[in-house]
Amino acid sequence: MAKGRVAGRGSGRLRFVLVLLGFLVVAMGVILRRTYGIAAARELKRLDAQRDTLVAERLRLEADIRAAASRATLQPIAEQRLQMRVPADSQVIILTRPSNERP
């Protein structure tokens, strides 16, 4: 009977050690997953801030393009560099387009 107890006690310890090792492996997996999750969240936050900066820059550039393409900006440049001017009403000729009808 004494031998049965010793054999049972050894398998109980082995079982306890295996359960403890299993718990440690699972705990390390959870910690590792959380570590990667936190790193990914930081990277996502950094990329969101960078995207917001780029969107603001794009909007500023679009406003600059609209301002540079306005008539108030282009008219003095066309008059000075290209010697162009706005024609008087008497100089405007309206051409009619011939119809596409065949006789």
C-alpha atoms as a PDB file:
ATOM      1  CA  MET A   1       0.000   0.000   0.000  1.00  0.00           C
ATOM      2  CA  ALA A   2       2.855   2.396   0.651  1.00  0.00           C
ATOM      3  CA  LYS A   3       4.148   1.926  -2.860  1.00  0.00           C
ATOM      4  CA  GLY A   4       0.737   2.919  -4.320  1.00  0.00           C
ATOM      5  CA  ARG A   5       0.740   6.155  -2.400  1.00  0.00           C
ATOM      6  CA  VAL A   6       4.220   7.135  -3.601  1.00  0.00           C
ATOM      7  CA  ALA A   7       3.320   6.407  -7.215  1.00  0.00           C
ATOM      8  CA  GLY A   8       0.101   8.439  -6.911  1.00  0.00           C
ATOM      9  CA  ARG A   9       1.903  11.331  -5.304  1.00  0.00           C
ATOM     10  CA  GLY A  10       4.451  11.520  -8.138  1.00  0.00           C
ATOM     11  CA  SER A  11       1.764  11.663 -10.839  1.00  0.00           C
ATOM     12  CA  GLY A  12      -0.065  14.360  -8.865  1.00  0.00           C
ATOM     13  CA  ARG A  13       3.082  16.469  -8.761  1.00  0.00           C
ATOM     14  CA  LEU A  14       3.645  15.903 -12.461  1.00  0.00           C
ATOM     15  CA  ARG A  15       0.079  16.938 -13.182  1.00  0.00           C
ATOM     16  CA  PHE A  16       0.520  20.068 -11.029  1.00  0.00           C
ATOM     17  CA  VAL A  17       3.765  20.979 -12.816  1.00  0.00           C
ATOM     18  CA  LEU A  18       2.120  20.491 -16.228  1.00  0.00           C
ATOM     19  CA  VAL A  19      -0.866  22.650 -15.242  1.00  0.00           C
ATOM     20  CA  LEU A  20       1.501  25.292 -13.883  1.00  0.00           C
ATOM     21  CA  LEU A  21       3.556  25.254 -17.096  1.00  0.00           C
ATOM     22  CA  GLY A  22       0.379  25.460 -19.173  1.00  0.00           C
ATOM     23  CA  PHE A  23      -0.780  28.456 -17.139  1.00  0.00           C
ATOM     24  CA  LEU A  24       2.590  30.159 -17.601  1.00  0.00           C
ATOM     25  CA  VAL A  25       2.509  29.592 -21.362  1.00  0.00           C
ATOM     26  CA  VAL A  26      -1.020  31.015 -21.609  1.00  0.00           C
ATOM     27  CA  ALA A  27      -0.114  33.984 -19.397  1.00  0.00           C
ATOM     28  CA  MET A  28       2.965  34.726 -21.506  1.00  0.00           C
ATOM     29  CA  GLY A  29       0.833  34.526 -24.656  1.00  0.00           C
ATOM     30  CA  VAL A  30      -1.663  37.024 -23.238  1.00  0.00           C
ATOM     31  CA  ILE A  31       1.106  39.409 -22.186  1.00  0.00           C
ATOM     32  CA  LEU A  32       2.766  39.142 -25.601  1.00  0.00           C
ATOM     33  CA  ARG A  33      -0.535  39.781 -27.393  1.00  0.00           C
ATOM     34  CA  ARG A  34      -1.228  42.843 -25.255  1.00  0.00           C
ATOM     35  CA  THR A  35       2.283  44.146 -25.877  1.00  0.00           C
ATOM     36  CA  TYR A  36       1.782  43.876 -29.633  1.00  0.00           C
ATOM     37  CA  GLY A  37      -1.660  45.452 -29.303  1.00  0.00           C
ATOM     38  CA  ILE A  38      -0.307  48.451 -27.414  1.00  0.00           C
ATOM     39  CA  ALA A  39       2.472  48.918 -29.972  1.00  0.00           C
ATOM     40  CA  ALA A  40      -0.053  48.719 -32.809  1.00  0.00           C
ATOM     41  CA  ALA A  41      -2.307  51.256 -31.065  1.00  0.00           C
ATOM     42  CA  ARG A  42       0.599  53.690 -30.723  1.00  0.00           C
ATOM     43  CA  GLU A  43       1.483  53.276 -34.403  1.00  0.00           C
ATOM     44  CA  LEU A  44      -2.164  53.784 -35.389  1.00  0.00           C
ATOM     45  CA  LYS A  45      -2.366  56.960 -33.304  1.00  0.00           C
ATOM     46  CA  ARG A  46       0.838  58.280 -34.933  1.00  0.00           C
ATOM     47  CA  LEU A  47      -0.492  57.496 -38.418  1.00  0.00           C
ATOM     48  CA  ASP A  48      -3.820  59.203 -37.648  1.00  0.00           C
ATOM     49  CA  ALA A  49      -1.977  62.350 -36.560  1.00  0.00           C
ATOM     50  CA  GLN A  50       0.148  62.231 -39.718  1.00  0.00           C
ATOM     51  CA  ARG A  51      -2.972  61.791 -41.869  1.00  0.00           C
ATOM     52  CA  ASP A  52      -4.640  64.778 -40.196  1.00  0.00           C
ATOM     53  CA  THR A  53      -1.547  66.883 -40.891  1.00  0.00           C
ATOM     54  CA  LEU A  54      -1.513  65.814 -44.538  1.00  0.00           C
ATOM     55  CA  VAL A  55      -5.231  66.524 -44.970  1.00  0.00           C
ATOM     56  CA  ALA A  56      -4.742  70.021 -43.531  1.00  0.00           C
ATOM     57  CA  GLU A  57      -1.813  70.601 -45.893  1.00  0.00           C
ATOM     58  CA  ARG A  58      -3.855  69.386 -48.878  1.00  0.00           C
ATOM     59  CA  LEU A  59      -6.690  71.778 -47.989  1.00  0.00           C
ATOM     60  CA  ARG A  60      -4.217  74.657 -47.669  1.00  0.00           C
ATOM     61  CA  LEU A  61      -2.681  73.824 -51.050  1.00  0.00           C
ATOM     62  CA  GLU A  62      -6.108  73.614 -52.703  1.00  0.00           C
ATOM     63  CA  ALA A  63      -6.937  77.053 -51.291  1.00  0.00           C
ATOM     64  CA  ASP A  64      -3.620  78.378 -52.627  1.00  0.00           C
ATOM     65  CA  ILE A  65      -4.404  76.937 -56.071  1.00  0.00           C
ATOM     66  CA  ARG A  66      -7.871  78.544 -56.051  1.00  0.00           C
ATOM     67  CA  ALA A  67      -6.356  81.886 -55.069  1.00  0.00           C
ATOM     68  CA  ALA A  68      -3.633  81.666 -57.738  1.00  0.00           C
ATOM     69  CA  ALA A  69      -6.152  80.695 -60.433  1.00  0.00           C
ATOM     70  CA  SER A  70      -8.552  83.539 -59.637  1.00  0.00           C
ATOM     71  CA  ARG A  71      -9.159  86.267 -62.164  1.00  0.00           C
ATOM     72  CA  ALA A  72      -7.892  88.917 -59.767  1.00  0.00           C
ATOM     73  CA  THR A  73      -4.504  87.207 -59.686  1.00  0.00           C
ATOM     74  CA  LEU A  74      -4.260  86.202 -63.342  1.00  0.00           C
ATOM     75  CA  GLN A  75      -5.443  89.457 -64.933  1.00  0.00           C
ATOM     76  CA  PRO A  76      -2.465  91.630 -63.852  1.00  0.00           C
ATOM     77  CA  ILE A  77      -0.027  88.909 -64.867  1.00  0.00           C
ATOM     78  CA  ALA A  78      -1.659  88.556 -68.304  1.00  0.00           C
ATOM     79  CA  GLU A  79      -1.627  92.323 -68.811  1.00  0.00           C
ATOM     80  CA  GLN A  80       2.014  92.784 -67.767  1.00  0.00           C
ATOM     81  CA  ARG A  81       3.753  89.742 -69.181  1.00  0.00           C
ATOM     82  CA  LEU A  82       1.614  88.922 -72.196  1.00  0.00           C
ATOM     83  CA  GLN A  83       0.282  92.418 -73.041  1.00  0.00           C
ATOM     84  CA  MET A  84      -3.253  91.056 -72.997  1.00  0.00           C
ATOM     85  CA  ARG A  85      -6.281  93.101 -72.065  1.00  0.00           C
ATOM     86  CA  VAL A  86     -10.006  92.718 -71.661  1.00  0.00           C
ATOM     87  CA  PRO A  87     -11.641  93.688 -74.980  1.00  0.00           C
ATOM     88  CA  ALA A  88     -14.172  96.482 -75.220  1.00  0.00           C
ATOM     89  CA  ASP A  89     -17.758  95.553 -76.041  1.00  0.00           C
ATOM     90  CA  SER A  90     -17.353  96.838 -79.588  1.00  0.00           C
ATOM     91  CA  GLN A  91     -14.444  94.468 -80.153  1.00  0.00           C
ATOM     92  CA  VAL A  92     -16.352  91.335 -79.216  1.00  0.00           C
ATOM     93  CA  ILE A  93     -17.604  89.355 -82.200  1.00  0.00           C
ATOM     94  CA  ILE A  94     -20.095  86.589 -81.612  1.00  0.00           C
ATOM     95  CA  LEU A  95     -19.876  83.834 -84.182  1.00  0.00           C
ATOM     96  CA  THR A  96     -22.803  81.579 -84.828  1.00  0.00           C
ATOM     97  CA  ARG A  97     -22.247  77.938 -85.418  1.00  0.00           C
ATOM     98  CA  PRO A  98     -23.692  76.576 -88.631  1.00  0.00           C
ATOM     99  CA  SER A  99     -26.381  73.998 -88.154  1.00  0.00           C
ATOM    100  CA  ASN A 100     -25.687  70.396 -88.982  1.00  0.00           C
ATOM    101  CA  GLU A 101     -28.760  70.067 -91.181  1.00  0.00           C
ATOM    102  CA  ARG A 102     -28.224  68.793 -94.696  1.00  0.00           C
ATOM    103  CA  PRO A 103     -30.291  70.079 -97.668  1.00  0.00           C
END
